[in-house]
N, C-alpha and C. Protein backbone atom coordinates (compact mmCIF):
# COMPACT_ATOMS: atom_id res chain seq x y z
N MET A 1 0.82 -1.20 0.00
CA MET A 1 0.00 0.00 0.00
C MET A 1 0.86 1.26 0.00
N THR A 2 2.06 1.18 0.56
CA THR A 2 2.96 2.32 0.56
C THR A 2 3.48 2.57 -0.85
N GLN A 3 3.46 3.83 -1.26
CA GLN A 3 3.93 4.19 -2.59
C GLN A 3 5.44 4.34 -2.58
N SER A 4 6.05 4.24 -3.75
CA SER A 4 7.49 4.49 -3.83
C SER A 4 7.72 6.00 -3.85
N ILE A 5 8.74 6.43 -3.17
CA ILE A 5 9.04 7.85 -3.02
C ILE A 5 10.29 8.17 -3.82
N LYS A 6 10.23 9.25 -4.60
CA LYS A 6 11.41 9.72 -5.32
C LYS A 6 11.99 10.90 -4.55
N LEU A 7 13.30 10.83 -4.31
CA LEU A 7 13.97 11.89 -3.56
C LEU A 7 14.77 12.78 -4.50
N SER A 8 14.73 14.07 -4.22
CA SER A 8 15.54 15.01 -4.98
C SER A 8 16.97 15.00 -4.45
N THR A 9 17.87 15.65 -5.15
CA THR A 9 19.26 15.74 -4.70
C THR A 9 19.35 16.46 -3.36
N ASP A 10 18.57 17.54 -3.20
CA ASP A 10 18.57 18.27 -1.93
C ASP A 10 18.07 17.39 -0.79
N GLN A 11 17.03 16.60 -1.05
CA GLN A 11 16.50 15.72 -0.01
C GLN A 11 17.54 14.66 0.37
N MET A 12 18.23 14.12 -0.62
CA MET A 12 19.27 13.12 -0.31
C MET A 12 20.40 13.74 0.50
N ARG A 13 20.75 14.98 0.19
CA ARG A 13 21.79 15.69 0.94
C ARG A 13 21.36 15.90 2.39
N LEU A 14 20.09 16.30 2.59
CA LEU A 14 19.57 16.51 3.94
C LEU A 14 19.51 15.19 4.72
N ILE A 15 19.10 14.12 4.06
CA ILE A 15 19.04 12.81 4.72
C ILE A 15 20.45 12.35 5.12
N SER A 16 21.41 12.59 4.25
CA SER A 16 22.80 12.22 4.56
C SER A 16 23.30 12.99 5.78
N LEU A 17 23.03 14.29 5.82
CA LEU A 17 23.41 15.11 6.97
C LEU A 17 22.72 14.59 8.24
N PHE A 18 21.42 14.31 8.13
CA PHE A 18 20.65 13.79 9.26
C PHE A 18 21.29 12.51 9.81
N GLN A 19 21.64 11.60 8.90
CA GLN A 19 22.21 10.31 9.32
C GLN A 19 23.60 10.48 9.92
N ASN A 20 24.38 11.43 9.42
CA ASN A 20 25.70 11.68 10.00
C ASN A 20 25.59 12.25 11.41
N VAL A 21 24.62 13.13 11.64
CA VAL A 21 24.47 13.76 12.96
C VAL A 21 23.83 12.81 13.96
N THR A 22 22.78 12.08 13.55
CA THR A 22 21.99 11.30 14.51
C THR A 22 22.38 9.83 14.60
N LYS A 23 23.06 9.30 13.59
CA LYS A 23 23.38 7.87 13.48
C LYS A 23 22.12 7.02 13.31
N ALA A 24 20.99 7.65 13.00
CA ALA A 24 19.74 6.94 12.73
C ALA A 24 19.43 7.06 11.24
N THR A 25 18.73 6.08 10.70
CA THR A 25 18.41 6.08 9.28
C THR A 25 17.11 6.82 9.03
N ALA A 26 17.15 7.74 8.09
CA ALA A 26 15.94 8.46 7.68
C ALA A 26 15.44 7.86 6.37
N ARG A 27 14.15 7.68 6.27
CA ARG A 27 13.53 7.12 5.06
C ARG A 27 13.22 8.22 4.06
N ASP A 28 12.92 9.40 4.58
CA ASP A 28 12.39 10.47 3.74
C ASP A 28 12.59 11.79 4.45
N CYS A 29 12.48 12.85 3.68
CA CYS A 29 12.54 14.18 4.27
C CYS A 29 11.73 15.12 3.40
N LEU A 30 11.04 16.04 4.04
CA LEU A 30 10.26 17.06 3.34
C LEU A 30 10.70 18.43 3.80
N ASP A 31 10.95 19.31 2.86
CA ASP A 31 11.30 20.69 3.17
C ASP A 31 10.02 21.51 3.07
N ASP A 32 9.45 21.85 4.22
CA ASP A 32 8.21 22.62 4.28
C ASP A 32 8.55 24.09 4.45
N GLU A 33 8.78 24.76 3.34
CA GLU A 33 9.20 26.16 3.39
C GLU A 33 8.11 27.06 3.94
N LYS A 34 6.85 26.71 3.70
CA LYS A 34 5.73 27.51 4.17
C LYS A 34 5.73 27.63 5.70
N GLN A 35 6.06 26.54 6.38
CA GLN A 35 6.11 26.52 7.85
C GLN A 35 7.54 26.66 8.37
N ASP A 36 8.51 26.86 7.48
CA ASP A 36 9.93 27.00 7.82
C ASP A 36 10.43 25.84 8.69
N ARG A 37 10.25 24.62 8.15
CA ARG A 37 10.70 23.44 8.87
C ARG A 37 11.11 22.36 7.89
N ILE A 38 11.94 21.44 8.39
CA ILE A 38 12.32 20.26 7.63
C ILE A 38 11.85 19.07 8.45
N ILE A 39 11.09 18.18 7.81
CA ILE A 39 10.50 17.03 8.49
C ILE A 39 11.20 15.77 7.99
N PHE A 40 11.76 15.01 8.91
CA PHE A 40 12.42 13.76 8.58
C PHE A 40 11.54 12.59 9.02
N VAL A 41 11.48 11.55 8.21
CA VAL A 41 10.75 10.33 8.55
C VAL A 41 11.80 9.28 8.91
N VAL A 42 11.73 8.80 10.17
CA VAL A 42 12.69 7.80 10.63
C VAL A 42 12.03 6.43 10.68
N ASN A 43 12.84 5.40 10.60
CA ASN A 43 12.31 4.03 10.64
C ASN A 43 11.68 3.74 11.99
N GLU A 44 10.74 2.81 11.96
CA GLU A 44 10.02 2.41 13.17
C GLU A 44 11.00 1.95 14.25
N GLY A 45 10.83 2.49 15.46
CA GLY A 45 11.67 2.10 16.59
C GLY A 45 12.96 2.89 16.73
N LYS A 46 13.25 3.80 15.81
CA LYS A 46 14.52 4.55 15.83
C LYS A 46 14.35 6.01 16.27
N MET A 47 13.18 6.35 16.80
CA MET A 47 12.91 7.74 17.18
C MET A 47 13.84 8.21 18.29
N GLY A 48 14.05 7.40 19.31
CA GLY A 48 14.92 7.78 20.44
C GLY A 48 16.34 8.05 19.99
N LEU A 49 16.87 7.19 19.13
CA LEU A 49 18.22 7.36 18.60
C LEU A 49 18.30 8.65 17.78
N ALA A 50 17.27 8.93 16.99
CA ALA A 50 17.27 10.13 16.15
C ALA A 50 17.21 11.41 16.99
N ILE A 51 16.42 11.39 18.05
CA ILE A 51 16.27 12.58 18.89
C ILE A 51 17.55 12.85 19.68
N GLY A 52 18.14 11.79 20.22
CA GLY A 52 19.36 11.95 21.01
C GLY A 52 19.04 12.29 22.46
N LYS A 53 20.04 12.15 23.30
CA LYS A 53 19.86 12.41 24.74
C LYS A 53 19.50 13.88 24.96
N GLY A 54 18.35 14.10 25.56
CA GLY A 54 17.92 15.47 25.83
C GLY A 54 17.65 16.28 24.56
N GLY A 55 17.42 15.60 23.45
CA GLY A 55 17.16 16.30 22.19
C GLY A 55 18.40 16.87 21.54
N SER A 56 19.57 16.36 21.93
CA SER A 56 20.84 16.92 21.45
C SER A 56 20.99 16.83 19.92
N ASN A 57 20.55 15.71 19.32
CA ASN A 57 20.69 15.57 17.87
C ASN A 57 19.82 16.57 17.12
N ILE A 58 18.61 16.78 17.60
CA ILE A 58 17.69 17.73 16.96
C ILE A 58 18.25 19.15 17.08
N LYS A 59 18.77 19.49 18.26
CA LYS A 59 19.36 20.83 18.46
C LYS A 59 20.55 21.04 17.53
N SER A 60 21.38 20.02 17.38
CA SER A 60 22.54 20.12 16.48
C SER A 60 22.08 20.34 15.04
N LEU A 61 21.10 19.57 14.61
CA LEU A 61 20.59 19.72 13.24
C LEU A 61 20.00 21.11 13.02
N GLN A 62 19.25 21.60 14.00
CA GLN A 62 18.65 22.93 13.87
C GLN A 62 19.73 24.01 13.79
N ASN A 63 20.81 23.85 14.54
CA ASN A 63 21.90 24.82 14.47
C ASN A 63 22.61 24.77 13.12
N ILE A 64 22.80 23.57 12.57
CA ILE A 64 23.47 23.42 11.28
C ILE A 64 22.59 23.96 10.15
N LEU A 65 21.31 23.60 10.17
CA LEU A 65 20.40 23.95 9.08
C LEU A 65 19.77 25.33 9.22
N LYS A 66 19.81 25.89 10.44
CA LYS A 66 19.17 27.18 10.73
C LYS A 66 17.67 27.15 10.41
N ARG A 67 17.06 25.98 10.65
CA ARG A 67 15.62 25.78 10.42
C ARG A 67 15.09 24.88 11.52
N ASN A 68 13.79 24.89 11.71
CA ASN A 68 13.17 23.95 12.64
C ASN A 68 13.24 22.54 12.05
N VAL A 69 13.46 21.56 12.89
CA VAL A 69 13.53 20.17 12.46
C VAL A 69 12.46 19.39 13.22
N GLU A 70 11.66 18.61 12.49
CA GLU A 70 10.65 17.77 13.10
C GLU A 70 10.87 16.34 12.64
N LEU A 71 10.49 15.39 13.50
CA LEU A 71 10.64 13.97 13.18
C LEU A 71 9.28 13.28 13.20
N VAL A 72 9.14 12.30 12.31
CA VAL A 72 7.95 11.47 12.26
C VAL A 72 8.44 10.03 12.18
N GLU A 73 7.84 9.15 12.98
CA GLU A 73 8.20 7.74 12.94
C GLU A 73 7.33 7.04 11.89
N HIS A 74 7.97 6.28 11.02
CA HIS A 74 7.26 5.61 9.93
C HIS A 74 6.59 4.33 10.40
N PHE A 75 5.39 4.09 9.91
CA PHE A 75 4.66 2.83 10.08
C PHE A 75 4.07 2.46 8.73
N ASP A 76 4.02 1.18 8.41
CA ASP A 76 3.42 0.73 7.15
C ASP A 76 1.90 0.83 7.17
N ASP A 77 1.30 0.86 8.35
CA ASP A 77 -0.14 0.97 8.50
C ASP A 77 -0.54 2.45 8.51
N PRO A 78 -1.39 2.89 7.58
CA PRO A 78 -1.76 4.31 7.51
C PRO A 78 -2.44 4.81 8.79
N VAL A 79 -3.21 3.95 9.46
CA VAL A 79 -3.90 4.36 10.69
C VAL A 79 -2.87 4.68 11.78
N LYS A 80 -1.90 3.76 11.98
CA LYS A 80 -0.84 4.00 12.98
C LYS A 80 0.01 5.20 12.61
N PHE A 81 0.31 5.33 11.33
CA PHE A 81 1.15 6.45 10.85
C PHE A 81 0.48 7.79 11.14
N LEU A 82 -0.80 7.92 10.78
CA LEU A 82 -1.53 9.17 11.02
C LEU A 82 -1.68 9.45 12.52
N LYS A 83 -1.99 8.42 13.29
CA LYS A 83 -2.10 8.59 14.74
C LYS A 83 -0.79 9.13 15.31
N ASN A 84 0.30 8.55 14.85
CA ASN A 84 1.62 8.93 15.33
C ASN A 84 1.96 10.38 14.95
N ILE A 85 1.64 10.79 13.75
CA ILE A 85 1.91 12.17 13.32
C ILE A 85 1.14 13.17 14.17
N LEU A 86 -0.12 12.84 14.48
CA LEU A 86 -1.02 13.80 15.12
C LEU A 86 -1.06 13.72 16.64
N ASN A 87 -0.26 12.88 17.26
CA ASN A 87 -0.18 12.70 18.71
C ASN A 87 -1.18 11.65 19.18
N PRO A 88 -0.70 10.42 19.35
CA PRO A 88 -1.57 9.29 19.70
C PRO A 88 -2.31 9.45 21.03
N LYS A 89 -1.83 10.34 21.92
CA LYS A 89 -2.52 10.54 23.20
C LYS A 89 -3.91 11.13 23.01
N PHE A 90 -4.08 11.96 21.97
CA PHE A 90 -5.34 12.67 21.78
C PHE A 90 -6.21 12.10 20.67
N VAL A 91 -5.66 11.19 19.87
CA VAL A 91 -6.42 10.63 18.75
C VAL A 91 -7.14 9.38 19.24
N LYS A 92 -8.47 9.41 19.15
CA LYS A 92 -9.27 8.25 19.56
C LYS A 92 -9.32 7.20 18.47
N GLU A 93 -9.50 7.65 17.22
CA GLU A 93 -9.73 6.71 16.14
C GLU A 93 -9.36 7.35 14.80
N VAL A 94 -8.90 6.52 13.87
CA VAL A 94 -8.64 6.96 12.50
C VAL A 94 -9.38 6.00 11.57
N LYS A 95 -10.22 6.56 10.71
CA LYS A 95 -10.96 5.75 9.73
C LYS A 95 -10.47 6.13 8.34
N ILE A 96 -10.23 5.12 7.52
CA ILE A 96 -9.84 5.36 6.13
C ILE A 96 -11.03 4.96 5.25
N ASP A 97 -11.56 5.92 4.51
CA ASP A 97 -12.68 5.67 3.59
C ASP A 97 -12.17 5.71 2.16
N THR A 98 -12.57 4.74 1.38
CA THR A 98 -12.24 4.73 -0.04
C THR A 98 -13.52 5.02 -0.81
N LYS A 99 -13.49 6.07 -1.61
CA LYS A 99 -14.67 6.48 -2.38
C LYS A 99 -14.79 5.63 -3.64
N ALA A 100 -15.93 5.77 -4.31
CA ALA A 100 -16.19 5.01 -5.53
C ALA A 100 -15.21 5.34 -6.65
N ASP A 101 -14.70 6.58 -6.66
CA ASP A 101 -13.75 6.98 -7.70
C ASP A 101 -12.32 6.51 -7.40
N GLY A 102 -12.13 5.81 -6.28
CA GLY A 102 -10.82 5.25 -5.95
C GLY A 102 -10.00 6.12 -5.01
N SER A 103 -10.45 7.35 -4.75
CA SER A 103 -9.70 8.21 -3.83
C SER A 103 -9.97 7.81 -2.39
N SER A 104 -9.00 8.05 -1.53
CA SER A 104 -9.13 7.71 -0.12
C SER A 104 -9.13 8.97 0.73
N HIS A 105 -9.87 8.91 1.82
CA HIS A 105 -9.94 10.01 2.78
C HIS A 105 -9.74 9.44 4.17
N ALA A 106 -9.08 10.19 5.03
CA ALA A 106 -8.90 9.78 6.42
C ALA A 106 -9.73 10.68 7.31
N ILE A 107 -10.45 10.08 8.24
CA ILE A 107 -11.20 10.83 9.23
C ILE A 107 -10.58 10.52 10.57
N VAL A 108 -10.09 11.56 11.24
CA VAL A 108 -9.41 11.40 12.53
C VAL A 108 -10.34 11.93 13.62
N ILE A 109 -10.69 11.08 14.56
CA ILE A 109 -11.54 11.46 15.68
C ILE A 109 -10.63 11.73 16.87
N VAL A 110 -10.75 12.95 17.44
CA VAL A 110 -9.89 13.33 18.55
C VAL A 110 -10.72 13.61 19.80
N ASP A 111 -10.06 13.58 20.95
CA ASP A 111 -10.73 13.91 22.20
C ASP A 111 -11.32 15.31 22.13
N HIS A 112 -12.50 15.45 22.72
CA HIS A 112 -13.15 16.75 22.76
C HIS A 112 -12.27 17.74 23.52
N GLY A 113 -12.09 18.91 23.02
CA GLY A 113 -11.27 19.92 23.67
C GLY A 113 -9.79 19.83 23.33
N LYS A 114 -9.37 18.79 22.62
CA LYS A 114 -7.96 18.61 22.26
C LYS A 114 -7.72 18.84 20.77
N LYS A 115 -8.76 19.23 20.05
CA LYS A 115 -8.64 19.39 18.60
C LYS A 115 -7.58 20.44 18.25
N GLY A 116 -7.53 21.53 19.01
CA GLY A 116 -6.54 22.58 18.76
C GLY A 116 -5.11 22.07 18.88
N LEU A 117 -4.87 21.22 19.88
CA LEU A 117 -3.53 20.64 20.06
C LEU A 117 -3.18 19.71 18.91
N VAL A 118 -4.16 18.95 18.45
CA VAL A 118 -3.91 18.00 17.37
C VAL A 118 -3.67 18.73 16.05
N VAL A 119 -4.49 19.75 15.76
CA VAL A 119 -4.35 20.51 14.52
C VAL A 119 -3.05 21.31 14.52
N GLY A 120 -2.70 21.88 15.66
CA GLY A 120 -1.46 22.65 15.78
C GLY A 120 -1.63 24.10 15.38
N ARG A 121 -0.67 24.92 15.80
CA ARG A 121 -0.71 26.34 15.48
C ARG A 121 -0.69 26.52 13.96
N GLU A 122 -1.62 27.33 13.47
CA GLU A 122 -1.77 27.60 12.04
C GLU A 122 -1.96 26.31 11.23
N GLY A 123 -2.44 25.25 11.88
CA GLY A 123 -2.72 23.99 11.19
C GLY A 123 -1.48 23.22 10.78
N ARG A 124 -0.35 23.48 11.44
CA ARG A 124 0.91 22.86 11.01
C ARG A 124 0.90 21.34 11.15
N ASN A 125 0.30 20.78 12.21
CA ASN A 125 0.25 19.33 12.37
C ASN A 125 -0.70 18.70 11.35
N ALA A 126 -1.83 19.36 11.13
CA ALA A 126 -2.79 18.86 10.14
C ALA A 126 -2.18 18.86 8.75
N GLU A 127 -1.43 19.90 8.44
CA GLU A 127 -0.77 19.99 7.13
C GLU A 127 0.28 18.89 6.98
N LYS A 128 1.03 18.64 8.06
CA LYS A 128 2.04 17.57 8.04
C LYS A 128 1.37 16.22 7.80
N ALA A 129 0.26 15.97 8.48
CA ALA A 129 -0.47 14.71 8.30
C ALA A 129 -0.98 14.59 6.86
N ARG A 130 -1.49 15.68 6.32
CA ARG A 130 -2.01 15.66 4.95
C ARG A 130 -0.89 15.38 3.94
N LEU A 131 0.24 16.05 4.11
CA LEU A 131 1.37 15.86 3.20
C LEU A 131 1.84 14.40 3.18
N PHE A 132 2.02 13.83 4.37
CA PHE A 132 2.55 12.47 4.43
C PHE A 132 1.50 11.42 4.07
N ALA A 133 0.22 11.66 4.38
CA ALA A 133 -0.83 10.72 3.98
C ALA A 133 -0.91 10.64 2.47
N LYS A 134 -0.78 11.78 1.81
CA LYS A 134 -0.80 11.80 0.35
C LYS A 134 0.45 11.13 -0.22
N ARG A 135 1.60 11.46 0.37
CA ARG A 135 2.89 10.98 -0.14
C ARG A 135 3.06 9.47 0.01
N TYR A 136 2.61 8.91 1.13
CA TYR A 136 2.85 7.49 1.40
C TYR A 136 1.68 6.57 1.07
N PHE A 137 0.46 7.05 1.25
CA PHE A 137 -0.69 6.15 1.13
C PHE A 137 -1.73 6.63 0.12
N ASN A 138 -1.44 7.70 -0.62
CA ASN A 138 -2.36 8.26 -1.62
C ASN A 138 -3.72 8.60 -1.00
N ILE A 139 -3.69 9.11 0.22
CA ILE A 139 -4.90 9.58 0.89
C ILE A 139 -5.01 11.07 0.59
N SER A 140 -6.07 11.44 -0.12
CA SER A 140 -6.15 12.80 -0.65
C SER A 140 -6.60 13.84 0.39
N ASN A 141 -7.28 13.42 1.44
CA ASN A 141 -7.81 14.39 2.39
C ASN A 141 -7.76 13.81 3.80
N VAL A 142 -7.37 14.65 4.77
CA VAL A 142 -7.38 14.24 6.18
C VAL A 142 -8.29 15.21 6.92
N LEU A 143 -9.37 14.67 7.47
CA LEU A 143 -10.33 15.48 8.22
C LEU A 143 -10.16 15.18 9.70
N ILE A 144 -9.95 16.22 10.49
CA ILE A 144 -9.81 16.05 11.94
C ILE A 144 -11.11 16.51 12.58
N ASN A 145 -11.75 15.59 13.30
CA ASN A 145 -13.07 15.85 13.84
C ASN A 145 -13.09 15.60 15.33
N SER A 146 -13.83 16.44 16.04
CA SER A 146 -13.99 16.27 17.48
C SER A 146 -15.48 16.24 17.78
N PRO A 147 -16.02 15.08 18.12
CA PRO A 147 -17.47 15.00 18.37
C PRO A 147 -17.84 15.80 19.61
N GLU A 148 -19.01 16.40 19.54
CA GLU A 148 -19.50 17.17 20.69
C GLU A 148 -19.82 16.20 21.84
N MET A 149 -19.54 16.64 23.04
CA MET A 149 -19.86 15.80 24.20
C MET A 149 -21.35 15.88 24.46
N THR A 150 -21.97 14.77 24.75
CA THR A 150 -23.39 14.77 25.07
C THR A 150 -23.54 15.14 26.54
N GLN A 151 -24.50 15.99 26.80
CA GLN A 151 -24.71 16.42 28.17
C GLN A 151 -25.71 15.48 28.85
N LEU A 152 -25.41 15.14 30.07
CA LEU A 152 -26.28 14.26 30.83
C LEU A 152 -27.29 15.10 31.61
N GLU A 153 -28.53 14.68 31.58
CA GLU A 153 -29.55 15.39 32.38
C GLU A 153 -29.61 14.78 33.76
N ILE A 154 -29.68 15.64 34.74
CA ILE A 154 -29.71 15.17 36.13
C ILE A 154 -31.07 15.42 36.71
């Protein structure tokens, strides 16, 4: 289900730098100029190695690149991958719908009152989820929904 990813020369250069600094393997990298950040996708189980003790590897990369650096842990399952990108503590459920025309959409159900944290400032987390869902699983749209709490009558 995972699509093959083509990397540009700049992306390969960034991945090489990442691997030299962190000693962890990166699968992919996206340069998000709109949000002024570089997002690296690390292999499953290698997040701690990539971050480094006390975040030392991320701080080093940010100093070298003069940009914000974010990490995402890769999973072959789109539900786990999206949950992981958007913060699994607040995500209750992820549903993948495939339409009749073959396009896929993800619906993310989050805890009531935590939608702002999941979406992120200026929608940066939602945009990251959308970019990677499209890139890896051909999911064209990610909808983040927070159901209203039902009030109990006393």
